[in-house]
Amino acid sequence: MWAQIINVILGLWIMASPDLLGFADPTAADNNHIVGPLIVTFAFTALWEATRSVGKWNLALGAWLLIAPWILSFEDRSALINDMVIGAIVVALSFIKGKITQHFGGGWSALFKNNPEHVEKARELS
């Protein structure tokens, strides 16, 4: 859970950094204004046990922050360093798994099973 909270803060930083650091490159600023809210959304959603797996999407966004300066040809050195550092941290925090103590019905794969685990547990309880 703590890793997702840090990712929320990093996503907010990514959104604010173009203005706070004074990015001269509008492409870098636009990139951060798009990626930042996505990082916040996935990290915030992953705070709860039932949706913990959503946090894995930040792995791709962190990787994008690592390669975006070269693909988008950032002209601003502060934008390049900022995105590289934050991207590396987001990637590292995406590998930290939160503790899951409850069972939540088996996910989407349960729809395609003949006797899903959550149906069996419901029968046992009734």
N, C-alpha and C. Protein backbone atom coordinates (compact mmCIF):
# COMPACT_ATOMS: atom_id res chain seq x y z
N MET A 1 0.82 -1.19 0.00
CA MET A 1 0.00 0.00 0.00
C MET A 1 0.87 1.26 0.00
N TRP A 2 1.94 1.24 0.74
CA TRP A 2 2.81 2.42 0.81
C TRP A 2 3.42 2.73 -0.55
N ALA A 3 3.70 1.69 -1.34
CA ALA A 3 4.28 1.92 -2.67
C ALA A 3 3.27 2.64 -3.56
N GLN A 4 2.00 2.31 -3.43
CA GLN A 4 0.97 2.96 -4.25
C GLN A 4 0.78 4.41 -3.82
N ILE A 5 0.89 4.69 -2.52
CA ILE A 5 0.78 6.06 -2.04
C ILE A 5 1.92 6.91 -2.61
N ILE A 6 3.12 6.34 -2.61
CA ILE A 6 4.26 7.06 -3.19
C ILE A 6 4.04 7.29 -4.68
N ASN A 7 3.50 6.29 -5.38
CA ASN A 7 3.22 6.47 -6.81
C ASN A 7 2.17 7.54 -7.06
N VAL A 8 1.19 7.66 -6.17
CA VAL A 8 0.21 8.75 -6.29
C VAL A 8 0.92 10.10 -6.20
N ILE A 9 1.81 10.22 -5.21
CA ILE A 9 2.56 11.47 -5.03
C ILE A 9 3.45 11.75 -6.25
N LEU A 10 4.11 10.71 -6.77
CA LEU A 10 4.95 10.88 -7.96
C LEU A 10 4.13 11.29 -9.18
N GLY A 11 2.94 10.71 -9.32
CA GLY A 11 2.06 11.09 -10.42
C GLY A 11 1.64 12.55 -10.32
N LEU A 12 1.36 13.01 -9.10
CA LEU A 12 1.03 14.42 -8.90
C LEU A 12 2.23 15.31 -9.23
N TRP A 13 3.43 14.84 -8.85
CA TRP A 13 4.64 15.60 -9.18
C TRP A 13 4.84 15.69 -10.70
N ILE A 14 4.63 14.57 -11.39
CA ILE A 14 4.79 14.56 -12.84
C ILE A 14 3.84 15.57 -13.48
N MET A 15 2.61 15.67 -12.96
CA MET A 15 1.66 16.65 -13.51
C MET A 15 2.12 18.08 -13.25
N ALA A 16 2.66 18.34 -12.06
CA ALA A 16 3.01 19.70 -11.67
C ALA A 16 4.41 20.12 -12.14
N SER A 17 5.28 19.17 -12.40
CA SER A 17 6.68 19.48 -12.68
C SER A 17 6.91 20.39 -13.89
N PRO A 18 6.13 20.31 -14.97
CA PRO A 18 6.39 21.24 -16.08
C PRO A 18 6.28 22.71 -15.65
N ASP A 19 5.33 23.00 -14.79
CA ASP A 19 5.17 24.38 -14.33
C ASP A 19 6.18 24.73 -13.25
N LEU A 20 6.42 23.80 -12.33
CA LEU A 20 7.34 24.09 -11.22
C LEU A 20 8.80 24.17 -11.67
N LEU A 21 9.16 23.34 -12.64
CA LEU A 21 10.54 23.34 -13.13
C LEU A 21 10.72 24.23 -14.36
N GLY A 22 9.62 24.75 -14.89
CA GLY A 22 9.67 25.65 -16.03
C GLY A 22 10.18 24.98 -17.30
N PHE A 23 9.55 23.88 -17.68
CA PHE A 23 9.95 23.19 -18.90
C PHE A 23 9.82 24.14 -20.10
N ALA A 24 10.87 24.21 -20.90
CA ALA A 24 10.84 25.01 -22.11
C ALA A 24 10.24 24.23 -23.28
N ASP A 25 10.21 22.90 -23.15
CA ASP A 25 9.75 22.03 -24.23
C ASP A 25 8.27 21.70 -24.04
N PRO A 26 7.38 22.16 -24.92
CA PRO A 26 5.95 21.87 -24.77
C PRO A 26 5.63 20.38 -24.93
N THR A 27 6.44 19.67 -25.70
CA THR A 27 6.20 18.23 -25.87
C THR A 27 6.39 17.50 -24.55
N ALA A 28 7.43 17.86 -23.81
CA ALA A 28 7.69 17.24 -22.51
C ALA A 28 6.57 17.58 -21.53
N ALA A 29 6.13 18.81 -21.55
CA ALA A 29 5.04 19.23 -20.66
C ALA A 29 3.75 18.47 -20.98
N ASP A 30 3.42 18.37 -22.26
CA ASP A 30 2.22 17.63 -22.66
C ASP A 30 2.31 16.17 -22.25
N ASN A 31 3.47 15.57 -22.44
CA ASN A 31 3.67 14.18 -22.04
C ASN A 31 3.40 14.01 -20.55
N ASN A 32 3.95 14.90 -19.73
CA ASN A 32 3.76 14.79 -18.29
C ASN A 32 2.32 15.06 -17.88
N HIS A 33 1.64 15.95 -18.61
CA HIS A 33 0.25 16.23 -18.28
C HIS A 33 -0.68 15.06 -18.66
N ILE A 34 -0.22 14.18 -19.51
CA ILE A 34 -0.99 12.99 -19.87
C ILE A 34 -0.63 11.81 -18.97
N VAL A 35 0.64 11.57 -18.77
CA VAL A 35 1.09 10.40 -18.01
C VAL A 35 0.83 10.55 -16.51
N GLY A 36 1.00 11.76 -15.98
CA GLY A 36 0.81 11.99 -14.55
C GLY A 36 -0.55 11.56 -14.03
N PRO A 37 -1.65 12.03 -14.64
CA PRO A 37 -2.97 11.61 -14.16
C PRO A 37 -3.20 10.10 -14.27
N LEU A 38 -2.61 9.47 -15.28
CA LEU A 38 -2.76 8.02 -15.41
C LEU A 38 -2.05 7.29 -14.26
N ILE A 39 -0.85 7.75 -13.91
CA ILE A 39 -0.13 7.14 -12.79
C ILE A 39 -0.94 7.30 -11.50
N VAL A 40 -1.48 8.50 -11.28
CA VAL A 40 -2.29 8.75 -10.08
C VAL A 40 -3.51 7.83 -10.08
N THR A 41 -4.19 7.72 -11.20
CA THR A 41 -5.41 6.90 -11.27
C THR A 41 -5.12 5.44 -10.98
N PHE A 42 -4.09 4.87 -11.62
CA PHE A 42 -3.80 3.46 -11.40
C PHE A 42 -3.31 3.20 -9.97
N ALA A 43 -2.47 4.09 -9.44
CA ALA A 43 -1.96 3.90 -8.09
C ALA A 43 -3.06 4.05 -7.06
N PHE A 44 -3.92 5.05 -7.24
CA PHE A 44 -5.01 5.27 -6.29
C PHE A 44 -5.99 4.10 -6.32
N THR A 45 -6.29 3.60 -7.50
CA THR A 45 -7.20 2.45 -7.62
C THR A 45 -6.60 1.22 -6.96
N ALA A 46 -5.30 1.07 -7.02
CA ALA A 46 -4.62 -0.11 -6.46
C ALA A 46 -4.48 -0.07 -4.95
N LEU A 47 -4.94 0.98 -4.31
CA LEU A 47 -4.86 1.05 -2.85
C LEU A 47 -5.75 0.01 -2.17
N TRP A 48 -6.81 -0.41 -2.83
CA TRP A 48 -7.74 -1.37 -2.24
C TRP A 48 -7.41 -2.79 -2.70
N GLU A 49 -7.66 -3.74 -1.81
CA GLU A 49 -7.30 -5.14 -2.10
C GLU A 49 -7.97 -5.68 -3.35
N ALA A 50 -9.23 -5.37 -3.55
CA ALA A 50 -9.97 -5.93 -4.68
C ALA A 50 -9.44 -5.46 -6.02
N THR A 51 -8.79 -4.31 -6.04
CA THR A 51 -8.29 -3.76 -7.29
C THR A 51 -6.77 -3.60 -7.26
N ARG A 52 -6.11 -4.36 -6.43
CA ARG A 52 -4.66 -4.23 -6.25
C ARG A 52 -3.89 -4.45 -7.54
N SER A 53 -4.37 -5.32 -8.41
CA SER A 53 -3.63 -5.64 -9.63
C SER A 53 -3.58 -4.48 -10.63
N VAL A 54 -4.42 -3.48 -10.47
CA VAL A 54 -4.41 -2.33 -11.38
C VAL A 54 -3.08 -1.58 -11.28
N GLY A 55 -2.42 -1.66 -10.14
CA GLY A 55 -1.14 -0.98 -9.95
C GLY A 55 -0.05 -1.44 -10.91
N LYS A 56 -0.22 -2.63 -11.48
CA LYS A 56 0.77 -3.14 -12.43
C LYS A 56 0.84 -2.30 -13.71
N TRP A 57 -0.21 -1.57 -14.02
CA TRP A 57 -0.22 -0.73 -15.21
C TRP A 57 0.79 0.41 -15.09
N ASN A 58 1.14 0.76 -13.86
CA ASN A 58 2.14 1.81 -13.69
C ASN A 58 3.52 1.36 -14.16
N LEU A 59 3.74 0.07 -14.26
CA LEU A 59 5.00 -0.43 -14.80
C LEU A 59 5.20 0.07 -16.23
N ALA A 60 4.17 -0.02 -17.04
CA ALA A 60 4.25 0.45 -18.42
C ALA A 60 4.41 1.97 -18.48
N LEU A 61 3.72 2.69 -17.60
CA LEU A 61 3.82 4.14 -17.61
C LEU A 61 5.20 4.60 -17.14
N GLY A 62 5.75 3.92 -16.14
CA GLY A 62 7.11 4.25 -15.70
C GLY A 62 8.12 3.96 -16.79
N ALA A 63 7.93 2.85 -17.50
CA ALA A 63 8.83 2.53 -18.61
C ALA A 63 8.71 3.59 -19.71
N TRP A 64 7.49 4.05 -19.95
CA TRP A 64 7.31 5.10 -20.95
C TRP A 64 8.07 6.37 -20.54
N LEU A 65 8.02 6.72 -19.25
CA LEU A 65 8.76 7.91 -18.80
C LEU A 65 10.27 7.74 -19.01
N LEU A 66 10.74 6.51 -18.96
CA LEU A 66 12.17 6.26 -19.19
C LEU A 66 12.57 6.43 -20.65
N ILE A 67 11.69 6.03 -21.57
CA ILE A 67 12.05 6.08 -22.99
C ILE A 67 11.49 7.30 -23.72
N ALA A 68 10.51 7.97 -23.15
CA ALA A 68 9.87 9.11 -23.81
C ALA A 68 10.83 10.24 -24.17
N PRO A 69 11.81 10.56 -23.33
CA PRO A 69 12.71 11.67 -23.72
C PRO A 69 13.42 11.43 -25.04
N TRP A 70 13.70 10.19 -25.39
CA TRP A 70 14.39 9.90 -26.65
C TRP A 70 13.41 9.77 -27.81
N ILE A 71 12.27 9.17 -27.55
CA ILE A 71 11.28 9.02 -28.61
C ILE A 71 10.68 10.37 -29.00
N LEU A 72 10.41 11.20 -27.99
CA LEU A 72 9.79 12.51 -28.24
C LEU A 72 10.82 13.63 -28.41
N SER A 73 12.10 13.29 -28.32
CA SER A 73 13.20 14.25 -28.50
C SER A 73 13.06 15.49 -27.61
N PHE A 74 13.07 15.24 -26.30
CA PHE A 74 12.98 16.36 -25.35
C PHE A 74 14.16 17.30 -25.57
N GLU A 75 13.89 18.58 -25.59
CA GLU A 75 14.94 19.58 -25.74
C GLU A 75 15.39 20.14 -24.39
N ASP A 76 14.58 19.95 -23.37
CA ASP A 76 14.84 20.50 -22.04
C ASP A 76 15.53 19.45 -21.16
N ARG A 77 16.73 19.76 -20.68
CA ARG A 77 17.50 18.82 -19.86
C ARG A 77 16.81 18.51 -18.53
N SER A 78 16.17 19.51 -17.92
CA SER A 78 15.48 19.26 -16.65
C SER A 78 14.29 18.31 -16.85
N ALA A 79 13.62 18.40 -17.98
CA ALA A 79 12.52 17.49 -18.28
C ALA A 79 13.03 16.07 -18.45
N LEU A 80 14.16 15.94 -19.14
CA LEU A 80 14.75 14.62 -19.37
C LEU A 80 15.14 13.96 -18.04
N ILE A 81 15.85 14.69 -17.19
CA ILE A 81 16.29 14.14 -15.91
C ILE A 81 15.10 13.83 -15.02
N ASN A 82 14.13 14.74 -14.96
CA ASN A 82 12.95 14.55 -14.13
C ASN A 82 12.20 13.28 -14.55
N ASP A 83 11.92 13.14 -15.83
CA ASP A 83 11.15 11.98 -16.29
C ASP A 83 11.93 10.68 -16.10
N MET A 84 13.23 10.71 -16.30
CA MET A 84 14.03 9.49 -16.13
C MET A 84 14.04 9.04 -14.66
N VAL A 85 14.23 9.96 -13.75
CA VAL A 85 14.29 9.62 -12.32
C VAL A 85 12.92 9.14 -11.84
N ILE A 86 11.89 9.89 -12.14
CA ILE A 86 10.54 9.51 -11.70
C ILE A 86 10.12 8.20 -12.37
N GLY A 87 10.43 8.02 -13.63
CA GLY A 87 10.09 6.78 -14.33
C GLY A 87 10.75 5.57 -13.69
N ALA A 88 12.02 5.70 -13.31
CA ALA A 88 12.73 4.58 -12.65
C ALA A 88 12.10 4.26 -11.30
N ILE A 89 11.72 5.28 -10.56
CA ILE A 89 11.10 5.04 -9.25
C ILE A 89 9.73 4.39 -9.41
N VAL A 90 8.94 4.87 -10.36
CA VAL A 90 7.61 4.30 -10.60
C VAL A 90 7.73 2.83 -11.01
N VAL A 91 8.68 2.52 -11.88
CA VAL A 91 8.89 1.13 -12.29
C VAL A 91 9.25 0.28 -11.07
N ALA A 92 10.19 0.75 -10.26
CA ALA A 92 10.61 -0.02 -9.08
C ALA A 92 9.46 -0.23 -8.12
N LEU A 93 8.66 0.79 -7.88
CA LEU A 93 7.54 0.66 -6.94
C LEU A 93 6.42 -0.21 -7.50
N SER A 94 6.34 -0.33 -8.80
CA SER A 94 5.30 -1.17 -9.41
C SER A 94 5.53 -2.66 -9.15
N PHE A 95 6.76 -3.02 -8.84
CA PHE A 95 7.05 -4.43 -8.54
C PHE A 95 6.72 -4.81 -7.11
N ILE A 96 6.44 -3.84 -6.27
CA ILE A 96 6.13 -4.13 -4.86
C ILE A 96 4.66 -4.51 -4.77
N LYS A 97 4.41 -5.72 -4.29
CA LYS A 97 3.05 -6.22 -4.20
C LYS A 97 2.49 -5.92 -2.82
N GLY A 98 1.26 -5.46 -2.80
CA GLY A 98 0.57 -5.22 -1.54
C GLY A 98 0.01 -6.52 -1.00
N LYS A 99 -0.21 -6.53 0.29
CA LYS A 99 -0.74 -7.71 0.96
C LYS A 99 -2.23 -7.88 0.64
N ILE A 100 -2.60 -9.08 0.23
CA ILE A 100 -4.00 -9.40 -0.04
C ILE A 100 -4.43 -10.46 0.96
N THR A 101 -5.41 -10.12 1.80
CA THR A 101 -5.84 -11.03 2.87
C THR A 101 -7.20 -11.66 2.61
N GLN A 102 -7.93 -11.15 1.63
CA GLN A 102 -9.27 -11.66 1.37
C GLN A 102 -9.37 -12.21 -0.05
N HIS A 103 -10.40 -13.00 -0.28
CA HIS A 103 -10.65 -13.57 -1.61
C HIS A 103 -11.84 -12.82 -2.22
N PHE A 104 -11.70 -12.41 -3.48
CA PHE A 104 -12.71 -11.56 -4.10
C PHE A 104 -13.36 -12.17 -5.33
N GLY A 105 -13.64 -13.45 -5.34
CA GLY A 105 -14.45 -14.04 -6.39
C GLY A 105 -13.73 -14.59 -7.60
N GLY A 106 -12.45 -14.55 -7.67
CA GLY A 106 -11.73 -15.21 -8.75
C GLY A 106 -11.47 -14.37 -9.99
N GLY A 107 -11.96 -13.15 -10.06
CA GLY A 107 -11.69 -12.28 -11.19
C GLY A 107 -12.44 -12.71 -12.44
N TRP A 108 -12.01 -12.17 -13.58
CA TRP A 108 -12.68 -12.43 -14.85
C TRP A 108 -12.59 -13.89 -15.28
N SER A 109 -11.51 -14.56 -14.92
CA SER A 109 -11.37 -15.96 -15.34
C SER A 109 -12.44 -16.85 -14.71
N ALA A 110 -13.02 -16.43 -13.58
CA ALA A 110 -14.06 -17.22 -12.94
C ALA A 110 -15.32 -17.32 -13.80
N LEU A 111 -15.52 -16.37 -14.70
CA LEU A 111 -16.69 -16.40 -15.56
C LEU A 111 -16.66 -17.57 -16.55
N PHE A 112 -15.46 -18.07 -16.83
CA PHE A 112 -15.31 -19.11 -17.84
C PHE A 112 -15.09 -20.50 -17.25
N LYS A 113 -15.25 -20.64 -15.93
CA LYS A 113 -15.08 -21.94 -15.27
C LYS A 113 -16.44 -22.54 -14.97
N ASN A 114 -16.50 -23.86 -14.96
CA ASN A 114 -17.76 -24.54 -14.66
C ASN A 114 -18.16 -24.37 -13.21
N ASN A 115 -17.23 -24.52 -12.30
CA ASN A 115 -17.50 -24.37 -10.86
C ASN A 115 -16.50 -23.39 -10.25
N PRO A 116 -16.76 -22.10 -10.41
CA PRO A 116 -15.81 -21.13 -9.87
C PRO A 116 -15.71 -21.23 -8.35
N GLU A 117 -14.55 -20.86 -7.86
CA GLU A 117 -14.26 -20.99 -6.43
C GLU A 117 -15.22 -20.17 -5.57
N HIS A 118 -15.60 -19.00 -6.02
CA HIS A 118 -16.49 -18.17 -5.21
C HIS A 118 -17.90 -18.76 -5.12
N VAL A 119 -18.33 -19.50 -6.15
CA VAL A 119 -19.64 -20.15 -6.09
C VAL A 119 -19.59 -21.31 -5.10
N GLU A 120 -18.51 -22.06 -5.11
CA GLU A 120 -18.34 -23.16 -4.15
C GLU A 120 -18.33 -22.64 -2.72
N LYS A 121 -17.63 -21.54 -2.48
CA LYS A 121 -17.60 -20.97 -1.12
C LYS A 121 -18.97 -20.50 -0.70
N ALA A 122 -19.74 -19.93 -1.62
CA ALA A 122 -21.09 -19.46 -1.31
C ALA A 122 -21.99 -20.65 -0.94
N ARG A 123 -21.80 -21.77 -1.64
CA ARG A 123 -22.59 -22.97 -1.32
C ARG A 123 -22.24 -23.50 0.07
N GLU A 124 -20.96 -23.44 0.42
CA GLU A 124 -20.54 -23.90 1.74
C GLU A 124 -21.12 -23.05 2.85
N LEU A 125 -21.25 -21.77 2.61
CA LEU A 125 -21.75 -20.86 3.64
C LEU A 125 -23.25 -20.91 3.79
N SER A 126 -23.97 -21.35 2.76
CA SER A 126 -25.46 -21.37 2.86
C SER A 126 -26.00 -22.67 3.35
